[in-house]
Amino acid sequence: MREYLERFAIMPYDRDLCMKWAEVTVAAQAAGRRIDCADAWIAATAVLIESPLITHNRNVYLGVPGLMLISHG
């Protein structure tokens, strides 16, 4: 497992990430878009570290302000 995980960046949670998750969740709901809990964590992490999010599920993230999306189609 350790060898497998070495290929990935592990982002620990902290207060800032938790607050960003809440902001993402509320913003998506306010925009009339439902976002699942796990997708909100992914989006919050990308927004917080100012990194684009690469996804094949663009529609899931359309209600997230400040999120840079890279998607085909």
N, C-alpha and C. Protein backbone atom coordinates (compact mmCIF):
# COMPACT_ATOMS: atom_id res chain seq x y z
N MET A 1 0.82 -1.17 0.00
CA MET A 1 0.00 0.00 0.00
C MET A 1 0.87 1.25 0.00
N ARG A 2 1.93 1.21 0.80
CA ARG A 2 2.82 2.37 0.88
C ARG A 2 3.41 2.70 -0.50
N GLU A 3 3.86 1.68 -1.23
CA GLU A 3 4.41 1.90 -2.58
C GLU A 3 3.36 2.50 -3.50
N TYR A 4 2.16 1.98 -3.44
CA TYR A 4 1.08 2.48 -4.28
C TYR A 4 0.80 3.96 -3.98
N LEU A 5 0.71 4.32 -2.72
CA LEU A 5 0.37 5.69 -2.33
C LEU A 5 1.48 6.70 -2.61
N GLU A 6 2.71 6.22 -2.75
CA GLU A 6 3.83 7.12 -3.04
C GLU A 6 3.64 7.87 -4.36
N ARG A 7 2.80 7.36 -5.25
CA ARG A 7 2.56 8.00 -6.55
C ARG A 7 1.62 9.19 -6.45
N PHE A 8 1.00 9.40 -5.32
CA PHE A 8 -0.02 10.43 -5.17
C PHE A 8 0.40 11.51 -4.19
N ALA A 9 -0.13 12.69 -4.41
CA ALA A 9 0.03 13.76 -3.42
C ALA A 9 -1.08 13.60 -2.39
N ILE A 10 -0.72 13.53 -1.14
CA ILE A 10 -1.69 13.39 -0.07
C ILE A 10 -1.86 14.76 0.58
N MET A 11 -3.08 15.24 0.57
CA MET A 11 -3.38 16.55 1.14
C MET A 11 -4.07 16.35 2.49
N PRO A 12 -3.40 16.66 3.58
CA PRO A 12 -4.05 16.51 4.88
C PRO A 12 -5.13 17.57 5.07
N TYR A 13 -6.12 17.24 5.85
CA TYR A 13 -7.16 18.22 6.11
C TYR A 13 -6.72 19.14 7.24
N ASP A 14 -7.26 20.33 7.23
CA ASP A 14 -7.03 21.28 8.31
C ASP A 14 -8.25 22.22 8.35
N ARG A 15 -8.22 23.18 9.23
CA ARG A 15 -9.35 24.09 9.39
C ARG A 15 -9.65 24.84 8.09
N ASP A 16 -8.63 25.30 7.38
CA ASP A 16 -8.85 26.03 6.14
C ASP A 16 -9.56 25.17 5.10
N LEU A 17 -9.16 23.91 4.98
CA LEU A 17 -9.81 23.02 4.02
C LEU A 17 -11.26 22.75 4.43
N CYS A 18 -11.48 22.56 5.71
CA CYS A 18 -12.86 22.34 6.19
C CYS A 18 -13.74 23.55 5.89
N MET A 19 -13.23 24.73 6.10
CA MET A 19 -14.00 25.95 5.81
C MET A 19 -14.26 26.07 4.31
N LYS A 20 -13.27 25.75 3.50
CA LYS A 20 -13.45 25.83 2.05
C LYS A 20 -14.48 24.80 1.58
N TRP A 21 -14.48 23.60 2.20
CA TRP A 21 -15.48 22.59 1.88
C TRP A 21 -16.89 23.13 2.15
N ALA A 22 -17.05 23.77 3.29
CA ALA A 22 -18.36 24.34 3.63
C ALA A 22 -18.76 25.42 2.63
N GLU A 23 -17.82 26.28 2.26
CA GLU A 23 -18.09 27.34 1.28
C GLU A 23 -18.49 26.74 -0.07
N VAL A 24 -17.78 25.73 -0.50
CA VAL A 24 -18.08 25.07 -1.78
C VAL A 24 -19.47 24.45 -1.75
N THR A 25 -19.78 23.77 -0.66
CA THR A 25 -21.08 23.11 -0.54
C THR A 25 -22.22 24.12 -0.57
N VAL A 26 -22.10 25.20 0.20
CA VAL A 26 -23.14 26.23 0.25
C VAL A 26 -23.25 26.95 -1.09
N ALA A 27 -22.12 27.27 -1.71
CA ALA A 27 -22.14 27.98 -3.00
C ALA A 27 -22.81 27.14 -4.08
N ALA A 28 -22.52 25.86 -4.11
CA ALA A 28 -23.14 24.98 -5.10
C ALA A 28 -24.64 24.92 -4.89
N GLN A 29 -25.06 24.78 -3.64
CA GLN A 29 -26.49 24.74 -3.34
C GLN A 29 -27.16 26.06 -3.71
N ALA A 30 -26.50 27.17 -3.42
CA ALA A 30 -27.05 28.49 -3.74
C ALA A 30 -27.19 28.68 -5.25
N ALA A 31 -26.33 28.02 -6.01
CA ALA A 31 -26.39 28.09 -7.47
C ALA A 31 -27.39 27.08 -8.04
N GLY A 32 -28.07 26.37 -7.14
CA GLY A 32 -29.06 25.39 -7.59
C GLY A 32 -28.46 24.08 -8.06
N ARG A 33 -27.25 23.79 -7.63
CA ARG A 33 -26.56 22.57 -8.05
C ARG A 33 -26.24 21.74 -6.82
N ARG A 34 -26.57 20.49 -6.86
CA ARG A 34 -26.26 19.58 -5.77
C ARG A 34 -24.84 19.06 -5.97
N ILE A 35 -24.05 19.05 -4.91
CA ILE A 35 -22.71 18.49 -4.99
C ILE A 35 -22.55 17.47 -3.86
N ASP A 36 -22.12 16.27 -4.20
CA ASP A 36 -21.92 15.24 -3.19
C ASP A 36 -20.77 15.63 -2.27
N CYS A 37 -20.78 15.06 -1.09
CA CYS A 37 -19.78 15.37 -0.07
C CYS A 37 -18.35 15.15 -0.58
N ALA A 38 -18.09 14.00 -1.18
CA ALA A 38 -16.73 13.69 -1.67
C ALA A 38 -16.32 14.64 -2.78
N ASP A 39 -17.24 14.96 -3.68
CA ASP A 39 -16.92 15.90 -4.76
C ASP A 39 -16.63 17.30 -4.21
N ALA A 40 -17.33 17.67 -3.15
CA ALA A 40 -17.07 18.97 -2.53
C ALA A 40 -15.68 19.01 -1.90
N TRP A 41 -15.23 17.89 -1.32
CA TRP A 41 -13.86 17.84 -0.77
C TRP A 41 -12.82 17.99 -1.88
N ILE A 42 -13.06 17.33 -2.99
CA ILE A 42 -12.14 17.41 -4.13
C ILE A 42 -12.08 18.84 -4.64
N ALA A 43 -13.25 19.45 -4.83
CA ALA A 43 -13.31 20.82 -5.33
C ALA A 43 -12.67 21.79 -4.33
N ALA A 44 -12.96 21.62 -3.06
CA ALA A 44 -12.41 22.52 -2.03
C ALA A 44 -10.89 22.45 -2.01
N THR A 45 -10.35 21.25 -2.14
CA THR A 45 -8.90 21.09 -2.16
C THR A 45 -8.29 21.82 -3.36
N ALA A 46 -8.89 21.63 -4.53
CA ALA A 46 -8.38 22.30 -5.74
C ALA A 46 -8.45 23.81 -5.61
N VAL A 47 -9.56 24.33 -5.09
CA VAL A 47 -9.70 25.79 -4.93
C VAL A 47 -8.67 26.30 -3.92
N LEU A 48 -8.54 25.60 -2.80
CA LEU A 48 -7.64 26.05 -1.74
C LEU A 48 -6.18 26.10 -2.19
N ILE A 49 -5.75 25.10 -2.95
CA ILE A 49 -4.34 25.09 -3.39
C ILE A 49 -4.16 25.75 -4.75
N GLU A 50 -5.25 26.34 -5.25
CA GLU A 50 -5.23 27.08 -6.53
C GLU A 50 -4.72 26.21 -7.66
N SER A 51 -5.28 25.01 -7.74
CA SER A 51 -4.89 24.05 -8.77
C SER A 51 -6.10 23.73 -9.64
N PRO A 52 -5.91 23.57 -10.95
CA PRO A 52 -7.04 23.16 -11.78
C PRO A 52 -7.46 21.73 -11.43
N LEU A 53 -8.72 21.47 -11.64
CA LEU A 53 -9.28 20.14 -11.41
C LEU A 53 -9.55 19.50 -12.77
N ILE A 54 -8.96 18.35 -12.99
CA ILE A 54 -9.16 17.62 -14.23
C ILE A 54 -10.25 16.59 -13.99
N THR A 55 -11.31 16.63 -14.80
CA THR A 55 -12.45 15.75 -14.58
C THR A 55 -13.17 15.42 -15.88
N HIS A 56 -13.82 14.27 -15.89
CA HIS A 56 -14.72 13.91 -16.98
C HIS A 56 -16.16 14.21 -16.57
N ASN A 57 -16.34 14.70 -15.34
CA ASN A 57 -17.66 15.00 -14.81
C ASN A 57 -17.82 16.50 -14.56
N ARG A 58 -17.60 17.27 -15.58
CA ARG A 58 -17.62 18.73 -15.48
C ARG A 58 -18.88 19.26 -14.80
N ASN A 59 -20.04 18.70 -15.13
CA ASN A 59 -21.30 19.20 -14.61
C ASN A 59 -21.39 19.14 -13.09
N VAL A 60 -20.68 18.21 -12.48
CA VAL A 60 -20.70 18.07 -11.03
C VAL A 60 -20.16 19.33 -10.35
N TYR A 61 -19.21 19.99 -11.00
CA TYR A 61 -18.47 21.08 -10.37
C TYR A 61 -18.86 22.48 -10.86
N LEU A 62 -19.87 22.59 -11.70
CA LEU A 62 -20.21 23.88 -12.29
C LEU A 62 -20.68 24.92 -11.29
N GLY A 63 -21.17 24.51 -10.13
CA GLY A 63 -21.65 25.48 -9.14
C GLY A 63 -20.58 25.95 -8.17
N VAL A 64 -19.31 25.62 -8.43
CA VAL A 64 -18.23 25.94 -7.50
C VAL A 64 -17.47 27.18 -7.98
N PRO A 65 -17.64 28.30 -7.27
CA PRO A 65 -16.94 29.52 -7.69
C PRO A 65 -15.43 29.42 -7.46
N GLY A 66 -14.67 29.95 -8.39
CA GLY A 66 -13.22 29.98 -8.26
C GLY A 66 -12.52 28.70 -8.64
N LEU A 67 -13.28 27.70 -9.07
CA LEU A 67 -12.67 26.42 -9.45
C LEU A 67 -12.28 26.45 -10.92
N MET A 68 -11.02 26.15 -11.19
CA MET A 68 -10.54 26.04 -12.56
C MET A 68 -10.74 24.60 -13.02
N LEU A 69 -11.55 24.42 -14.04
CA LEU A 69 -11.84 23.07 -14.54
C LEU A 69 -11.14 22.80 -15.86
N ILE A 70 -10.60 21.61 -15.97
CA ILE A 70 -10.08 21.11 -17.23
C ILE A 70 -10.88 19.86 -17.53
N SER A 71 -11.57 19.88 -18.66
CA SER A 71 -12.44 18.78 -18.99
C SER A 71 -12.59 18.68 -20.49
N HIS A 72 -12.70 17.47 -20.96
CA HIS A 72 -12.95 17.25 -22.39
C HIS A 72 -14.45 17.07 -22.57
N GLY A 73 -15.04 17.94 -23.36
CA GLY A 73 -16.46 17.82 -23.66
C GLY A 73 -17.32 18.56 -22.77
